[in-house]
Every structure is written in structure tokens, then in C-alpha cells.
């Protein structure tokens, strides 16, 4: 699990190791997707990061430091969101599949219990496109479980702490497929559409407690999740965009930050971020 703490001008990375971690020397103790540079301030950053982690364990927060938890946090979009928030002074917890089993409700509840979470971004997701008639029950359960049930479990676990603090924000990453599913995306589209319904239900239910719930439909993003899509298929999808270009993880992440920091009275909404009509 990666914890990032930013002060607006620098970012401190902390790696929290698990017993089953197997970090190779080539990874160098930094995220696989990012290079590491050694600066003259390396020692200072290491010490700052160490004490930030100790304070986090003790439940003591630096003044003004807010905390975001991102599931799917090591993916293309999750990493971009983490980078934006860390650069702008947030403490960010990036959860990958090896850090927390989102299918284990007890593990999810245990993770959030007693842990501050000002913003929860549910970005974990998988795609297994297959015609419904040929899709096995196990494949349907896997797709629906990761894309919807896991997000619902995380929200349910984070909400009590948010209610106790009188504020909090949950952002669900839905999909254009929720509104316009492609052929063979029945399970994925159903799960992503369910997230939009969940967003509106939770917003209505917990608005009086000061909590916000929103969903984003970021559009087709060129990330590791879509690497398997053929160039021909990508061109066909791109042609559906009025602007002729895909959205980017960085632009979607910027919107999530804007939604959190500049739209405090917005809740229960689903925002489509690409240019498909």
C-alpha cells in the first residue's frame, strides 16, 4: 500500500509493507509505474515522511492535512488522482489489489474502522467483455463484484466515520457504458449503471449529515486497463467523440480535485467527462 503526503511543493512516498510483499531490487522501493529521483533534500523528505507515517498511525494529523483513500489506486486513473491530490497537500492512500481484498467485507470494514477518510474514490474495476449467453456465472459475479459490490462495501465502511466527523465525500468511477453499453458489456454496464443509482441513493440518504456522493464517467482512457483494445477498435471509439480525442487520466483526475475542492454544494450527480453525445 502506498501512502503519499504532499505539502504543495514536494511529495513524500511511504511504502507500507505487508508480510507477503516481494519487492524486487529493481523496483527500488518506488511505485512500478514511476521513476525515482534522488534530490539533495532526500534525507529531509525521508525524515518528514517517517514522522508523517508515525502521526498517521497515532491518529494525529498535521493541521489542514486531509486524507484521501483510493481503491484501484495503482491503476492508470487511480494513480493520476493520487498524484494530483498529493501535489496539492493531501495525504493519499493508494490501495491496489494486493493491499486489500475488496471482496472480503470484514477486511474492508477493518481497514476503514478508526481510520480517517475525508475523500473516498472508488476506482477499482475490471472488464471482461463477453456476450451474456456465453458468460458464466462466475465471470458475471467477478465483474459485478469488483465494479459495484466492492465500491458499495467501501462506501458503507467509510460512511460511519464521515458521519461522525460531519463531512465526507465519496466519488464512484462509473462509465459511459452505464448509459451506452457496447455489445458484450452486459455485466460491466450493469455494474457501472448500478453505481449511478447508488450515488443518488446515498446522496439523498446522507446529505443532511453533511456527506456528498458523486459519480464520474471518465470516458475511454488509454491506460493499462485498455491496452488490450486493438488500434482499429480504438479508432472506432475515438470517432464517436465530438472533439476527436480521448479524455486523459490527468484531465479526469483534475476534475475529481475540482469536484472535491471547488464544488462543495454538489452531490448526487453523475458527470460524463468525454465528448461523446
C-alpha atoms as a PDB file:
ATOM      1  CA  UNK A   1       0.000   0.000   0.000  1.00  0.00           C
ATOM      2  CA  UNK A   2       1.341   3.411  -0.932  1.00  0.00           C
ATOM      3  CA  UNK A   3       0.821   6.473   1.273  1.00  0.00           C
ATOM      4  CA  UNK A   4       1.663   9.821  -0.249  1.00  0.00           C
ATOM      5  CA  UNK A   5       1.840  13.061   1.715  1.00  0.00           C
ATOM      6  CA  UNK A   6       2.260  16.359  -0.065  1.00  0.00           C
ATOM      7  CA  UNK A   7       2.884  19.892   1.177  1.00  0.00           C
ATOM      8  CA  UNK A   8       2.142  21.630  -2.085  1.00  0.00           C
ATOM      9  CA  UNK A   9       5.775  21.775  -3.222  1.00  0.00           C
ATOM     10  CA  UNK A  10       7.046  18.255  -2.618  1.00  0.00           C
ATOM     11  CA  UNK A  11       5.627  14.788  -2.225  1.00  0.00           C
ATOM     12  CA  UNK A  12       6.726  12.145   0.256  1.00  0.00           C
ATOM     13  CA  UNK A  13       6.268   8.499  -0.661  1.00  0.00           C
ATOM     14  CA  UNK A  14       5.905   5.841   2.012  1.00  0.00           C
ATOM     15  CA  UNK A  15       5.703   2.137   1.290  1.00  0.00           C
ATOM     16  CA  UNK A  16       3.779   0.133   3.874  1.00  0.00           C
ATOM     17  CA  UNK A  17       4.979  -3.440   3.510  1.00  0.00           C
ATOM     18  CA  UNK A  18       2.859  -6.477   4.030  1.00  0.00           C
ATOM     19  CA  UNK A  19       4.197  -9.847   5.104  1.00  0.00           C
ATOM     20  CA  UNK A  20       3.595 -11.272   1.642  1.00  0.00           C
ATOM     21  CA  UNK A  21       5.220  -8.399  -0.230  1.00  0.00           C
ATOM     22  CA  UNK A  22       8.004  -9.379  -2.617  1.00  0.00           C
ATOM     23  CA  UNK A  23       9.639  -6.170  -3.715  1.00  0.00           C
ATOM     24  CA  UNK A  24      12.467  -6.753  -6.129  1.00  0.00           C
ATOM     25  CA  UNK A  25      15.634  -4.719  -6.062  1.00  0.00           C
ATOM     26  CA  UNK A  26      14.831  -3.359  -9.494  1.00  0.00           C
ATOM     27  CA  UNK A  27      11.699  -1.726  -8.130  1.00  0.00           C
ATOM     28  CA  UNK A  28      13.830   0.343  -5.834  1.00  0.00           C
ATOM     29  CA  UNK A  29      11.100   0.919  -3.265  1.00  0.00           C
ATOM     30  CA  UNK A  30       9.065   3.183  -5.510  1.00  0.00           C
ATOM     31  CA  UNK A  31       5.872   2.532  -7.493  1.00  0.00           C
ATOM     32  CA  UNK A  32       6.496   0.405 -10.573  1.00  0.00           C
ATOM     33  CA  UNK A  33       4.897   2.992 -12.806  1.00  0.00           C
ATOM     34  CA  UNK A  34       7.023   5.873 -11.627  1.00  0.00           C
ATOM     35  CA  UNK A  35      10.711   6.607 -11.649  1.00  0.00           C
ATOM     36  CA  UNK A  36      12.537   7.874  -8.626  1.00  0.00           C
ATOM     37  CA  UNK A  37      14.890  10.788  -8.478  1.00  0.00           C
ATOM     38  CA  UNK A  38      17.293  11.417  -5.631  1.00  0.00           C
ATOM     39  CA  UNK A  39      17.483  15.069  -4.643  1.00  0.00           C
ATOM     40  CA  UNK A  40      19.575  16.956  -2.168  1.00  0.00           C
ATOM     41  CA  UNK A  41      16.537  17.008   0.071  1.00  0.00           C
ATOM     42  CA  UNK A  42      16.204  13.215   0.110  1.00  0.00           C
ATOM     43  CA  UNK A  43      17.169  12.865   3.775  1.00  0.00           C
ATOM     44  CA  UNK A  44      14.846  15.645   4.826  1.00  0.00           C
ATOM     45  CA  UNK A  45      11.969  14.093   2.892  1.00  0.00           C
ATOM     46  CA  UNK A  46      12.663  10.679   4.366  1.00  0.00           C
ATOM     47  CA  UNK A  47      12.544  12.062   7.894  1.00  0.00           C
ATOM     48  CA  UNK A  48       9.404  14.074   7.130  1.00  0.00           C
ATOM     49  CA  UNK A  49       7.755  11.019   5.647  1.00  0.00           C
ATOM     50  CA  UNK A  50       8.684   8.878   8.636  1.00  0.00           C
ATOM     51  CA  UNK A  51       7.117  11.285  11.103  1.00  0.00           C
ATOM     52  CA  UNK A  52       4.051  11.725   8.882  1.00  0.00           C
ATOM     53  CA  UNK A  53       3.586   7.969   8.994  1.00  0.00           C
ATOM     54  CA  UNK A  54       4.030   7.844  12.787  1.00  0.00           C
ATOM     55  CA  UNK A  55       1.480  10.614  13.218  1.00  0.00           C
ATOM     56  CA  UNK A  56      -0.873   8.740  10.911  1.00  0.00           C
ATOM     57  CA  UNK A  57      -0.573   5.582  12.989  1.00  0.00           C
ATOM     58  CA  UNK A  58      -1.320   7.507  16.165  1.00  0.00           C
ATOM     59  CA  UNK A  59      -4.336   9.199  14.598  1.00  0.00           C
ATOM     60  CA  UNK A  60      -2.687  12.627  14.844  1.00  0.00           C
ATOM     61  CA  UNK A  61      -2.969  14.788  11.729  1.00  0.00           C
ATOM     62  CA  UNK A  62      -0.903  17.753  10.681  1.00  0.00           C
ATOM     63  CA  UNK A  63      -3.006  20.909  10.663  1.00  0.00           C
ATOM     64  CA  UNK A  64      -5.029  21.171   7.469  1.00  0.00           C
ATOM     65  CA  UNK A  65      -3.894  17.811   6.078  1.00  0.00           C
ATOM     66  CA  UNK A  66      -6.845  15.926   4.602  1.00  0.00           C
ATOM     67  CA  UNK A  67      -6.848  12.248   3.721  1.00  0.00           C
ATOM     68  CA  UNK A  68      -7.994  10.542   0.542  1.00  0.00           C
ATOM     69  CA  UNK A  69      -8.348   6.786   0.090  1.00  0.00           C
ATOM     70  CA  UNK A  70      -8.336   5.496  -3.486  1.00  0.00           C
ATOM     71  CA  UNK A  71      -9.266   1.932  -4.404  1.00  0.00           C
ATOM     72  CA  UNK A  72      -7.771   0.905  -7.704  1.00  0.00           C
ATOM     73  CA  UNK A  73      -5.173   3.441  -6.643  1.00  0.00           C
ATOM     74  CA  UNK A  74      -2.300   1.845  -8.529  1.00  0.00           C
ATOM     75  CA  UNK A  75      -4.125   1.822 -11.884  1.00  0.00           C
ATOM     76  CA  UNK A  76      -3.891   4.487 -14.538  1.00  0.00           C
ATOM     77  CA  UNK A  77      -6.728   6.707 -13.321  1.00  0.00           C
ATOM     78  CA  UNK A  78      -6.193   5.981  -9.627  1.00  0.00           C
ATOM     79  CA  UNK A  79      -2.518   6.915  -9.864  1.00  0.00           C
ATOM     80  CA  UNK A  80      -3.342  10.158 -11.667  1.00  0.00           C
ATOM     81  CA  UNK A  81      -5.869  11.107  -8.980  1.00  0.00           C
ATOM     82  CA  UNK A  82      -3.358  10.272  -6.249  1.00  0.00           C
ATOM     83  CA  UNK A  83      -0.710  12.440  -7.877  1.00  0.00           C
ATOM     84  CA  UNK A  84      -2.977  15.477  -8.177  1.00  0.00           C
ATOM     85  CA  UNK A  85      -4.126  15.326  -4.547  1.00  0.00           C
ATOM     86  CA  UNK A  86      -0.690  14.605  -3.099  1.00  0.00           C
ATOM     87  CA  UNK A  87       0.828  17.516  -5.012  1.00  0.00           C
ATOM     88  CA  UNK A  88      -1.832  19.786  -3.517  1.00  0.00           C
ATOM     89  CA  UNK A  89      -1.294  18.950   0.124  1.00  0.00           C
ATOM     90  CA  UNK A  90      -3.386  15.844   0.741  1.00  0.00           C
ATOM     91  CA  UNK A  91      -2.336  12.612   2.367  1.00  0.00           C
ATOM     92  CA  UNK A  92      -3.247   9.889  -0.115  1.00  0.00           C
ATOM     93  CA  UNK A  93      -3.633   6.156   0.465  1.00  0.00           C
ATOM     94  CA  UNK A  94      -3.439   4.170  -2.781  1.00  0.00           C
ATOM     95  CA  UNK A  95      -4.918   0.697  -2.471  1.00  0.00           C
ATOM     96  CA  UNK A  96      -4.051  -1.934  -5.050  1.00  0.00           C
ATOM     97  CA  UNK A  97      -5.437  -5.439  -5.311  1.00  0.00           C
ATOM     98  CA  UNK A  98      -2.533  -6.797  -3.269  1.00  0.00           C
ATOM     99  CA  UNK A  99      -3.219  -4.387  -0.399  1.00  0.00           C
ATOM    100  CA  UNK A 100      -6.877  -5.036   0.395  1.00  0.00           C
ATOM    101  CA  UNK A 101      -9.208  -7.798  -0.749  1.00  0.00           C
ATOM    102  CA  UNK A 102     -12.253  -5.759  -1.694  1.00  0.00           C
ATOM    103  CA  UNK A 103     -14.342  -8.914  -1.883  1.00  0.00           C
ATOM    104  CA  UNK A 104     -13.769  -9.523   1.839  1.00  0.00           C
ATOM    105  CA  UNK A 105     -16.326  -7.358   3.623  1.00  0.00           C
ATOM    106  CA  UNK A 106     -14.729  -7.971   7.030  1.00  0.00           C
ATOM    107  CA  UNK A 107     -11.325  -6.887   5.707  1.00  0.00           C
ATOM    108  CA  UNK A 108     -12.821  -3.747   4.171  1.00  0.00           C
ATOM    109  CA  UNK A 109     -14.627  -2.844   7.400  1.00  0.00           C
ATOM    110  CA  UNK A 110     -11.464  -3.492   9.386  1.00  0.00           C
ATOM    111  CA  UNK A 111      -9.440  -1.236   7.121  1.00  0.00           C
ATOM    112  CA  UNK A 112     -11.770   1.740   7.492  1.00  0.00           C
ATOM    113  CA  UNK A 113     -12.526   1.261  11.191  1.00  0.00           C
ATOM    114  CA  UNK A 114     -10.984   4.099  13.174  1.00  0.00           C
ATOM    115  CA  UNK A 115      -9.250   5.471  10.080  1.00  0.00           C
ATOM    116  CA  UNK A 116      -9.890   8.982   8.856  1.00  0.00           C
ATOM    117  CA  UNK A 117     -11.162   9.249   5.303  1.00  0.00           C
ATOM    118  CA  UNK A 118     -12.168  12.685   4.036  1.00  0.00           C
ATOM    119  CA  UNK A 119     -12.466  11.547   0.430  1.00  0.00           C
ATOM    120  CA  UNK A 120     -13.053   8.032  -0.875  1.00  0.00           C
ATOM    121  CA  UNK A 121     -12.531   7.425  -4.586  1.00  0.00           C
ATOM    122  CA  UNK A 122     -13.743   4.016  -5.752  1.00  0.00           C
ATOM    123  CA  UNK A 123     -11.735   3.459  -8.927  1.00  0.00           C
ATOM    124  CA  UNK A 124     -11.198  -0.316  -8.820  1.00  0.00           C
ATOM    125  CA  UNK A 125     -12.588  -2.036 -11.880  1.00  0.00           C
ATOM    126  CA  UNK A 126     -12.220  -4.890 -14.339  1.00  0.00           C
ATOM    127  CA  UNK A 127     -13.545  -5.588 -17.827  1.00  0.00           C
ATOM    128  CA  UNK A 128     -14.474  -8.989 -19.243  1.00  0.00           C
ATOM    129  CA  UNK A 129     -16.456  -8.352 -22.384  1.00  0.00           C
ATOM    130  CA  UNK A 130     -18.467 -11.376 -23.410  1.00  0.00           C
ATOM    131  CA  UNK A 131     -21.970 -11.991 -24.801  1.00  0.00           C
ATOM    132  CA  UNK A 132     -24.396 -12.670 -21.972  1.00  0.00           C
ATOM    133  CA  UNK A 133     -25.387 -16.050 -23.429  1.00  0.00           C
ATOM    134  CA  UNK A 134     -21.785 -17.248 -23.195  1.00  0.00           C
ATOM    135  CA  UNK A 135     -20.856 -15.582 -19.919  1.00  0.00           C
ATOM    136  CA  UNK A 136     -20.574 -17.952 -16.998  1.00  0.00           C
ATOM    137  CA  UNK A 137     -21.998 -17.113 -13.607  1.00  0.00           C
ATOM    138  CA  UNK A 138     -18.510 -16.813 -12.167  1.00  0.00           C
ATOM    139  CA  UNK A 139     -17.453 -14.208 -14.733  1.00  0.00           C
ATOM    140  CA  UNK A 140     -20.607 -12.178 -14.116  1.00  0.00           C
ATOM    141  CA  UNK A 141     -20.019 -12.285 -10.353  1.00  0.00           C
ATOM    142  CA  UNK A 142     -16.387 -11.229 -10.760  1.00  0.00           C
ATOM    143  CA  UNK A 143     -17.224  -8.233 -12.950  1.00  0.00           C
ATOM    144  CA  UNK A 144     -20.162  -7.116 -10.838  1.00  0.00           C
ATOM    145  CA  UNK A 145     -18.267  -7.782  -7.623  1.00  0.00           C
ATOM    146  CA  UNK A 146     -15.264  -5.616  -8.428  1.00  0.00           C
ATOM    147  CA  UNK A 147     -17.097  -2.826 -10.254  1.00  0.00           C
ATOM    148  CA  UNK A 148     -20.103  -2.464  -7.956  1.00  0.00           C
ATOM    149  CA  UNK A 149     -20.170  -4.604  -4.814  1.00  0.00           C
ATOM    150  CA  UNK A 150     -16.628  -3.658  -3.769  1.00  0.00           C
ATOM    151  CA  UNK A 151     -17.390   0.041  -4.194  1.00  0.00           C
ATOM    152  CA  UNK A 152     -20.608  -0.298  -2.189  1.00  0.00           C
ATOM    153  CA  UNK A 153     -18.747  -2.149   0.588  1.00  0.00           C
ATOM    154  CA  UNK A 154     -16.047   0.518   0.789  1.00  0.00           C
ATOM    155  CA  UNK A 155     -18.620   3.303   0.914  1.00  0.00           C
ATOM    156  CA  UNK A 156     -20.595   1.508   3.621  1.00  0.00           C
ATOM    157  CA  UNK A 157     -17.420   1.082   5.675  1.00  0.00           C
ATOM    158  CA  UNK A 158     -16.268   4.694   5.241  1.00  0.00           C
ATOM    159  CA  UNK A 159     -19.622   6.406   5.853  1.00  0.00           C
ATOM    160  CA  UNK A 160     -19.850   5.927   9.665  1.00  0.00           C
ATOM    161  CA  UNK A 161     -16.565   7.766  10.190  1.00  0.00           C
ATOM    162  CA  UNK A 162     -17.634  10.528   7.830  1.00  0.00           C
ATOM    163  CA  UNK A 163     -20.921  10.915   9.678  1.00  0.00           C
ATOM    164  CA  UNK A 164     -19.059  11.136  12.985  1.00  0.00           C
ATOM    165  CA  UNK A 165     -16.923  13.989  11.561  1.00  0.00           C
ATOM    166  CA  UNK A 166     -19.924  15.705   9.975  1.00  0.00           C
ATOM    167  CA  UNK A 167     -18.478  15.710   6.448  1.00  0.00           C
ATOM    168  CA  UNK A 168     -17.016  13.493   3.757  1.00  0.00           C
ATOM    169  CA  UNK A 169     -17.148  12.821   0.039  1.00  0.00           C
ATOM    170  CA  UNK A 170     -17.349   9.602  -1.975  1.00  0.00           C
ATOM    171  CA  UNK A 171     -16.636   9.598  -5.707  1.00  0.00           C
ATOM    172  CA  UNK A 172     -17.580   6.484  -7.663  1.00  0.00           C
ATOM    173  CA  UNK A 173     -15.894   5.875 -11.007  1.00  0.00           C
ATOM    174  CA  UNK A 174     -18.705   4.777 -13.306  1.00  0.00           C
ATOM    175  CA  UNK A 175     -18.523   4.551 -17.090  1.00  0.00           C
ATOM    176  CA  UNK A 176     -20.007   5.753 -20.351  1.00  0.00           C
ATOM    177  CA  UNK A 177     -21.076   2.121 -20.685  1.00  0.00           C
ATOM    178  CA  UNK A 178     -23.584   2.725 -17.894  1.00  0.00           C
ATOM    179  CA  UNK A 179     -25.579   4.834 -20.363  1.00  0.00           C
ATOM    180  CA  UNK A 180     -24.477   3.443 -23.737  1.00  0.00           C
ATOM    181  CA  UNK A 181     -23.088  -0.076 -23.322  1.00  0.00           C
ATOM    182  CA  UNK A 182     -21.160  -1.679 -26.119  1.00  0.00           C
ATOM    183  CA  UNK A 183     -22.128  -5.139 -27.357  1.00  0.00           C
ATOM    184  CA  UNK A 184     -20.863  -7.750 -24.936  1.00  0.00           C
ATOM    185  CA  UNK A 185     -20.670  -5.436 -21.931  1.00  0.00           C
ATOM    186  CA  UNK A 186     -23.840  -6.513 -20.133  1.00  0.00           C
ATOM    187  CA  UNK A 187     -22.153  -7.278 -16.800  1.00  0.00           C
ATOM    188  CA  UNK A 188     -19.823  -4.268 -16.880  1.00  0.00           C
ATOM    189  CA  UNK A 189     -22.576  -1.879 -17.964  1.00  0.00           C
ATOM    190  CA  UNK A 190     -24.990  -3.192 -15.329  1.00  0.00           C
ATOM    191  CA  UNK A 191     -22.400  -2.731 -12.590  1.00  0.00           C
ATOM    192  CA  UNK A 192     -21.478   0.782 -13.687  1.00  0.00           C
ATOM    193  CA  UNK A 193     -25.139   1.780 -14.021  1.00  0.00           C
ATOM    194  CA  UNK A 194     -25.750   0.448 -10.524  1.00  0.00           C
ATOM    195  CA  UNK A 195     -23.044   2.813  -9.268  1.00  0.00           C
ATOM    196  CA  UNK A 196     -25.007   5.783 -10.599  1.00  0.00           C
ATOM    197  CA  UNK A 197     -28.101   4.573  -8.758  1.00  0.00           C
ATOM    198  CA  UNK A 198     -26.070   4.040  -5.590  1.00  0.00           C
ATOM    199  CA  UNK A 199     -24.678   7.563  -5.894  1.00  0.00           C
ATOM    200  CA  UNK A 200     -28.117   9.112  -5.940  1.00  0.00           C
ATOM    201  CA  UNK A 201     -29.465   6.919  -3.147  1.00  0.00           C
ATOM    202  CA  UNK A 202     -26.573   7.652  -0.779  1.00  0.00           C
ATOM    203  CA  UNK A 203     -26.631  11.362  -1.586  1.00  0.00           C
ATOM    204  CA  UNK A 204     -30.314  11.570  -0.636  1.00  0.00           C
ATOM    205  CA  UNK A 205     -29.858   9.407   2.443  1.00  0.00           C
ATOM    206  CA  UNK A 206     -26.805  11.121   3.952  1.00  0.00           C
ATOM    207  CA  UNK A 207     -26.997  14.694   2.688  1.00  0.00           C
ATOM    208  CA  UNK A 208     -28.352  16.017   5.991  1.00  0.00           C
ATOM    209  CA  UNK A 209     -25.290  14.559   7.708  1.00  0.00           C
ATOM    210  CA  UNK A 210     -23.009  16.687   5.527  1.00  0.00           C
ATOM    211  CA  UNK A 211     -21.856  13.867   3.237  1.00  0.00           C
ATOM    212  CA  UNK A 212     -21.552  14.103  -0.540  1.00  0.00           C
ATOM    213  CA  UNK A 213     -21.695  11.371  -3.167  1.00  0.00           C
ATOM    214  CA  UNK A 214     -20.944  11.822  -6.843  1.00  0.00           C
ATOM    215  CA  UNK A 215     -20.048   9.673  -9.830  1.00  0.00           C
ATOM    216  CA  UNK A 216     -17.803  10.360 -12.778  1.00  0.00           C
ATOM    217  CA  UNK A 217     -17.932   8.757 -16.218  1.00  0.00           C
ATOM    218  CA  UNK A 218     -14.370   9.482 -17.326  1.00  0.00           C
ATOM    219  CA  UNK A 219     -14.692   8.038 -20.813  1.00  0.00           C
ATOM    220  CA  UNK A 220     -12.267   5.803 -22.672  1.00  0.00           C
ATOM    221  CA  UNK A 221      -8.827   6.288 -21.146  1.00  0.00           C
ATOM    222  CA  UNK A 222      -5.596   4.945 -22.585  1.00  0.00           C
ATOM    223  CA  UNK A 223      -4.371   3.083 -19.519  1.00  0.00           C
ATOM    224  CA  UNK A 224      -3.103  -0.454 -18.829  1.00  0.00           C
ATOM    225  CA  UNK A 225      -6.746  -1.495 -18.437  1.00  0.00           C
ATOM    226  CA  UNK A 226      -7.389  -0.721 -22.125  1.00  0.00           C
ATOM    227  CA  UNK A 227      -4.042  -1.859 -23.548  1.00  0.00           C
ATOM    228  CA  UNK A 228      -5.652  -4.986 -24.993  1.00  0.00           C
ATOM    229  CA  UNK A 229      -8.058  -2.955 -27.146  1.00  0.00           C
ATOM    230  CA  UNK A 230      -6.946  -3.133 -30.765  1.00  0.00           C
ATOM    231  CA  UNK A 231      -5.862   0.041 -32.608  1.00  0.00           C
ATOM    232  CA  UNK A 232      -8.760  -0.449 -35.029  1.00  0.00           C
ATOM    233  CA  UNK A 233     -11.270  -0.583 -32.187  1.00  0.00           C
ATOM    234  CA  UNK A 234      -9.685   2.449 -30.538  1.00  0.00           C
ATOM    235  CA  UNK A 235     -10.037   4.416 -33.765  1.00  0.00           C
ATOM    236  CA  UNK A 236     -13.704   3.430 -33.969  1.00  0.00           C
ATOM    237  CA  UNK A 237     -14.317   4.602 -30.397  1.00  0.00           C
ATOM    238  CA  UNK A 238     -12.370   7.813 -30.982  1.00  0.00           C
ATOM    239  CA  UNK A 239     -14.561   8.604 -33.984  1.00  0.00           C
ATOM    240  CA  UNK A 240     -17.588   8.812 -31.672  1.00  0.00           C
ATOM    241  CA  UNK A 241     -16.053  11.756 -29.812  1.00  0.00           C
ATOM    242  CA  UNK A 242     -17.139  15.198 -30.971  1.00  0.00           C
ATOM    243  CA  UNK A 243     -13.627  16.513 -30.323  1.00  0.00           C
ATOM    244  CA  UNK A 244     -11.969  13.545 -31.961  1.00  0.00           C
ATOM    245  CA  UNK A 245      -9.799  12.817 -28.927  1.00  0.00           C
ATOM    246  CA  UNK A 246      -9.950  10.607 -25.851  1.00  0.00           C
ATOM    247  CA  UNK A 247     -10.091  12.030 -22.357  1.00  0.00           C
ATOM    248  CA  UNK A 248      -6.902  11.551 -20.314  1.00  0.00           C
ATOM    249  CA  UNK A 249      -6.305  10.260 -16.771  1.00  0.00           C
ATOM    250  CA  UNK A 250      -4.721  13.595 -15.840  1.00  0.00           C
ATOM    251  CA  UNK A 251      -7.758  15.592 -17.015  1.00  0.00           C
ATOM    252  CA  UNK A 252     -10.168  13.252 -15.223  1.00  0.00           C
ATOM    253  CA  UNK A 253      -8.073  13.488 -12.047  1.00  0.00           C
ATOM    254  CA  UNK A 254      -8.140  17.283 -12.282  1.00  0.00           C
ATOM    255  CA  UNK A 255     -11.937  17.136 -12.411  1.00  0.00           C
ATOM    256  CA  UNK A 256     -12.093  14.965  -9.291  1.00  0.00           C
ATOM    257  CA  UNK A 257      -9.937  17.511  -7.453  1.00  0.00           C
ATOM    258  CA  UNK A 258     -12.147  20.386  -8.703  1.00  0.00           C
ATOM    259  CA  UNK A 259     -15.279  18.488  -7.653  1.00  0.00           C
ATOM    260  CA  UNK A 260     -13.860  17.981  -4.164  1.00  0.00           C
ATOM    261  CA  UNK A 261     -12.352  21.408  -3.583  1.00  0.00           C
ATOM    262  CA  UNK A 262     -14.418  23.816  -5.692  1.00  0.00           C
ATOM    263  CA  UNK A 263     -17.906  22.280  -5.782  1.00  0.00           C
ATOM    264  CA  UNK A 264     -18.802  21.803  -2.101  1.00  0.00           C
ATOM    265  CA  UNK A 265     -22.550  22.043  -2.716  1.00  0.00           C
ATOM    266  CA  UNK A 266     -22.695  19.380  -5.426  1.00  0.00           C
ATOM    267  CA  UNK A 267     -23.946  15.891  -4.617  1.00  0.00           C
ATOM    268  CA  UNK A 268     -25.953  13.097  -6.208  1.00  0.00           C
ATOM    269  CA  UNK A 269     -24.639  13.846  -9.698  1.00  0.00           C
ATOM    270  CA  UNK A 270     -23.094  11.758 -12.480  1.00  0.00           C
ATOM    271  CA  UNK A 271     -20.615  13.650 -14.644  1.00  0.00           C
ATOM    272  CA  UNK A 272     -19.700  12.468 -18.135  1.00  0.00           C
ATOM    273  CA  UNK A 273     -16.197  13.754 -18.852  1.00  0.00           C
ATOM    274  CA  UNK A 274     -15.585  12.887 -22.509  1.00  0.00           C
ATOM    275  CA  UNK A 275     -17.061  14.421 -25.654  1.00  0.00           C
ATOM    276  CA  UNK A 276     -19.441  11.663 -26.753  1.00  0.00           C
ATOM    277  CA  UNK A 277     -23.027  12.984 -27.041  1.00  0.00           C
END
